[in-house]
Amino acid sequence: MRNLRAAFILALLLPAGWLVPAGVRAQQQATTMTVTVTLVQQVDVFQTASQTYTLTHTPAPSTRPQVFVNGILMCDVCGLDYTLVGSALTFTGQQTAQIDGPTIQVWYWSTN
């Protein structure tokens, strides 16, 4: 039974995409790389009534922007107040286009 299993095992596929015949030992080398990213705090202020806004920079992926409408922090977790895709901010709840003279502040971190 053991020889039968060995006959069907022809090769091992390694993560790097190399094909190594069965019975051959492959060695992996670990590579460590350090990357330093500088984040810059950004604040965009809009004072026009609209449903969509475009931020000056794209927020860093690992950060969570804070969106304020007339001083009130909007909910980013529930998805009911706004969505943010790239640098496009779209309000999904009460439209800021219906507010007379809104002040929208967006605080976020970016890499540029």
C-alpha atoms as a PDB file:
ATOM      1  CA  MET A   1       0.000   0.000   0.000  1.00  0.00           C
ATOM      2  CA  ARG A   2       2.860   2.366   0.827  1.00  0.00           C
ATOM      3  CA  ASN A   3       4.500   1.801  -2.583  1.00  0.00           C
ATOM      4  CA  LEU A   4       1.164   2.364  -4.298  1.00  0.00           C
ATOM      5  CA  ARG A   5       0.797   5.795  -2.640  1.00  0.00           C
ATOM      6  CA  ALA A   6       4.358   6.724  -3.534  1.00  0.00           C
ATOM      7  CA  ALA A   7       3.678   5.883  -7.186  1.00  0.00           C
ATOM      8  CA  PHE A   8       0.880   8.444  -7.345  1.00  0.00           C
ATOM      9  CA  ILE A   9       2.878  11.214  -5.671  1.00  0.00           C
ATOM     10  CA  LEU A  10       4.863  12.588  -8.567  1.00  0.00           C
ATOM     11  CA  ALA A  11       5.675  16.098  -7.418  1.00  0.00           C
ATOM     12  CA  LEU A  12       5.097  18.779  -4.798  1.00  0.00           C
ATOM     13  CA  LEU A  13       4.048  22.298  -5.755  1.00  0.00           C
ATOM     14  CA  LEU A  14       5.842  24.945  -3.696  1.00  0.00           C
ATOM     15  CA  PRO A  15       4.480  28.475  -3.083  1.00  0.00           C
ATOM     16  CA  ALA A  16       7.090  29.975  -5.388  1.00  0.00           C
ATOM     17  CA  GLY A  17       5.704  27.854  -8.218  1.00  0.00           C
ATOM     18  CA  TRP A  18       8.641  25.426  -8.422  1.00  0.00           C
ATOM     19  CA  LEU A  19       7.946  21.825  -9.169  1.00  0.00           C
ATOM     20  CA  VAL A  20      10.081  19.468  -7.066  1.00  0.00           C
ATOM     21  CA  PRO A  21      10.017  15.707  -7.626  1.00  0.00           C
ATOM     22  CA  ALA A  22       8.778  13.582  -4.749  1.00  0.00           C
ATOM     23  CA  GLY A  23      11.501  12.480  -2.377  1.00  0.00           C
ATOM     24  CA  VAL A  24      13.672  15.553  -3.019  1.00  0.00           C
ATOM     25  CA  ARG A  25      14.007  17.898  -0.065  1.00  0.00           C
ATOM     26  CA  ALA A  26      13.419  21.542  -0.816  1.00  0.00           C
ATOM     27  CA  GLN A  27      14.753  24.317   1.360  1.00  0.00           C
ATOM     28  CA  GLN A  28      13.036  27.632   1.775  1.00  0.00           C
ATOM     29  CA  GLN A  29      14.867  30.778   2.696  1.00  0.00           C
ATOM     30  CA  ALA A  30      13.138  33.415   4.761  1.00  0.00           C
ATOM     31  CA  THR A  31      13.475  36.993   3.611  1.00  0.00           C
ATOM     32  CA  THR A  32      12.795  39.882   5.952  1.00  0.00           C
ATOM     33  CA  MET A  33      12.055  43.301   4.550  1.00  0.00           C
ATOM     34  CA  THR A  34      11.285  46.465   6.477  1.00  0.00           C
ATOM     35  CA  VAL A  35       9.076  49.080   4.840  1.00  0.00           C
ATOM     36  CA  THR A  36       8.586  52.507   6.375  1.00  0.00           C
ATOM     37  CA  VAL A  37       5.499  54.465   5.367  1.00  0.00           C
ATOM     38  CA  THR A  38       4.995  58.057   6.437  1.00  0.00           C
ATOM     39  CA  LEU A  39       1.381  59.047   6.993  1.00  0.00           C
ATOM     40  CA  VAL A  40       0.271  62.662   6.702  1.00  0.00           C
ATOM     41  CA  GLN A  41      -2.853  63.956   8.431  1.00  0.00           C
ATOM     42  CA  GLN A  42      -5.293  65.583   6.005  1.00  0.00           C
ATOM     43  CA  VAL A  43      -8.367  67.722   6.565  1.00  0.00           C
ATOM     44  CA  ASP A  44     -10.749  68.480   3.727  1.00  0.00           C
ATOM     45  CA  VAL A  45     -13.520  71.023   4.278  1.00  0.00           C
ATOM     46  CA  PHE A  46     -16.527  71.335   1.968  1.00  0.00           C
ATOM     47  CA  GLN A  47     -19.164  74.049   2.280  1.00  0.00           C
ATOM     48  CA  THR A  48     -21.420  73.197  -0.622  1.00  0.00           C
ATOM     49  CA  ALA A  49     -24.587  71.132  -0.675  1.00  0.00           C
ATOM     50  CA  SER A  50     -24.036  67.897  -2.582  1.00  0.00           C
ATOM     51  CA  GLN A  51     -24.438  64.136  -2.284  1.00  0.00           C
ATOM     52  CA  THR A  52     -20.891  63.316  -3.421  1.00  0.00           C
ATOM     53  CA  TYR A  53     -17.519  64.868  -2.649  1.00  0.00           C
ATOM     54  CA  THR A  54     -13.978  64.130  -3.792  1.00  0.00           C
ATOM     55  CA  LEU A  55     -11.222  64.163  -1.192  1.00  0.00           C
ATOM     56  CA  THR A  56      -7.890  65.793  -1.991  1.00  0.00           C
ATOM     57  CA  HIS A  57      -6.002  62.546  -1.269  1.00  0.00           C
ATOM     58  CA  THR A  58      -6.952  58.885  -0.967  1.00  0.00           C
ATOM     59  CA  PRO A  59      -7.060  57.826   2.707  1.00  0.00           C
ATOM     60  CA  ALA A  60      -4.517  55.197   3.779  1.00  0.00           C
ATOM     61  CA  PRO A  61      -6.141  51.740   3.742  1.00  0.00           C
ATOM     62  CA  SER A  62      -5.359  50.910   7.379  1.00  0.00           C
ATOM     63  CA  THR A  63      -6.889  54.123   8.743  1.00  0.00           C
ATOM     64  CA  ARG A  64     -10.464  55.171   9.427  1.00  0.00           C
ATOM     65  CA  PRO A  65     -11.482  58.667   8.263  1.00  0.00           C
ATOM     66  CA  GLN A  66     -13.758  60.774  10.443  1.00  0.00           C
ATOM     67  CA  VAL A  67     -16.550  62.642   8.666  1.00  0.00           C
ATOM     68  CA  PHE A  68     -18.344  65.519  10.378  1.00  0.00           C
ATOM     69  CA  VAL A  69     -21.451  67.287   9.052  1.00  0.00           C
ATOM     70  CA  ASN A  70     -22.095  70.564  10.869  1.00  0.00           C
ATOM     71  CA  GLY A  71     -19.995  69.286  13.772  1.00  0.00           C
ATOM     72  CA  ILE A  72     -21.756  65.909  14.090  1.00  0.00           C
ATOM     73  CA  LEU A  73     -19.636  62.776  13.619  1.00  0.00           C
ATOM     74  CA  MET A  74     -21.141  60.515  10.974  1.00  0.00           C
ATOM     75  CA  CYS A  75     -21.321  56.725  11.418  1.00  0.00           C
ATOM     76  CA  ASP A  76     -18.805  54.904   9.244  1.00  0.00           C
ATOM     77  CA  VAL A  77     -19.374  51.426  10.672  1.00  0.00           C
ATOM     78  CA  CYS A  78     -23.106  51.151  10.105  1.00  0.00           C
ATOM     79  CA  GLY A  79     -22.925  52.191   6.433  1.00  0.00           C
ATOM     80  CA  LEU A  80     -26.060  54.284   6.752  1.00  0.00           C
ATOM     81  CA  ASP A  81     -24.475  57.748   6.718  1.00  0.00           C
ATOM     82  CA  TYR A  82     -21.833  57.538   3.994  1.00  0.00           C
ATOM     83  CA  THR A  83     -19.570  55.334   1.912  1.00  0.00           C
ATOM     84  CA  LEU A  84     -15.973  56.043   1.014  1.00  0.00           C
ATOM     85  CA  VAL A  85     -14.418  54.343  -2.004  1.00  0.00           C
ATOM     86  CA  GLY A  86     -10.940  55.594  -2.863  1.00  0.00           C
ATOM     87  CA  SER A  87     -11.255  59.360  -2.602  1.00  0.00           C
ATOM     88  CA  ALA A  88     -14.993  59.457  -3.435  1.00  0.00           C
ATOM     89  CA  LEU A  89     -17.218  60.288  -0.443  1.00  0.00           C
ATOM     90  CA  THR A  90     -20.938  59.602  -1.004  1.00  0.00           C
ATOM     91  CA  PHE A  91     -23.626  60.314   1.568  1.00  0.00           C
ATOM     92  CA  THR A  92     -26.262  57.581   1.803  1.00  0.00           C
ATOM     93  CA  GLY A  93     -28.454  58.801   4.668  1.00  0.00           C
ATOM     94  CA  GLN A  94     -29.874  62.303   4.890  1.00  0.00           C
ATOM     95  CA  GLN A  95     -28.482  64.015   1.830  1.00  0.00           C
ATOM     96  CA  THR A  96     -26.258  67.001   2.520  1.00  0.00           C
ATOM     97  CA  ALA A  97     -27.801  68.521  -0.609  1.00  0.00           C
ATOM     98  CA  GLN A  98     -30.939  69.049   1.495  1.00  0.00           C
ATOM     99  CA  ILE A  99     -29.050  70.933   4.240  1.00  0.00           C
ATOM    100  CA  ASP A 100     -28.814  74.696   3.797  1.00  0.00           C
ATOM    101  CA  GLY A 101     -25.085  75.571   3.795  1.00  0.00           C
ATOM    102  CA  PRO A 102     -23.565  72.432   5.332  1.00  0.00           C
ATOM    103  CA  THR A 103     -20.005  72.349   6.610  1.00  0.00           C
ATOM    104  CA  ILE A 104     -18.429  68.964   5.968  1.00  0.00           C
ATOM    105  CA  GLN A 105     -15.049  68.167   7.492  1.00  0.00           C
ATOM    106  CA  VAL A 106     -13.173  64.978   6.679  1.00  0.00           C
ATOM    107  CA  TRP A 107     -10.166  64.097   8.860  1.00  0.00           C
ATOM    108  CA  TYR A 108      -7.978  61.287   7.562  1.00  0.00           C
ATOM    109  CA  TRP A 109      -4.433  59.987   7.100  1.00  0.00           C
ATOM    110  CA  SER A 110      -2.808  59.592   3.686  1.00  0.00           C
ATOM    111  CA  THR A 111       0.555  58.531   2.330  1.00  0.00           C
ATOM    112  CA  ASN A 112       1.013  61.692   0.279  1.00  0.00           C
END
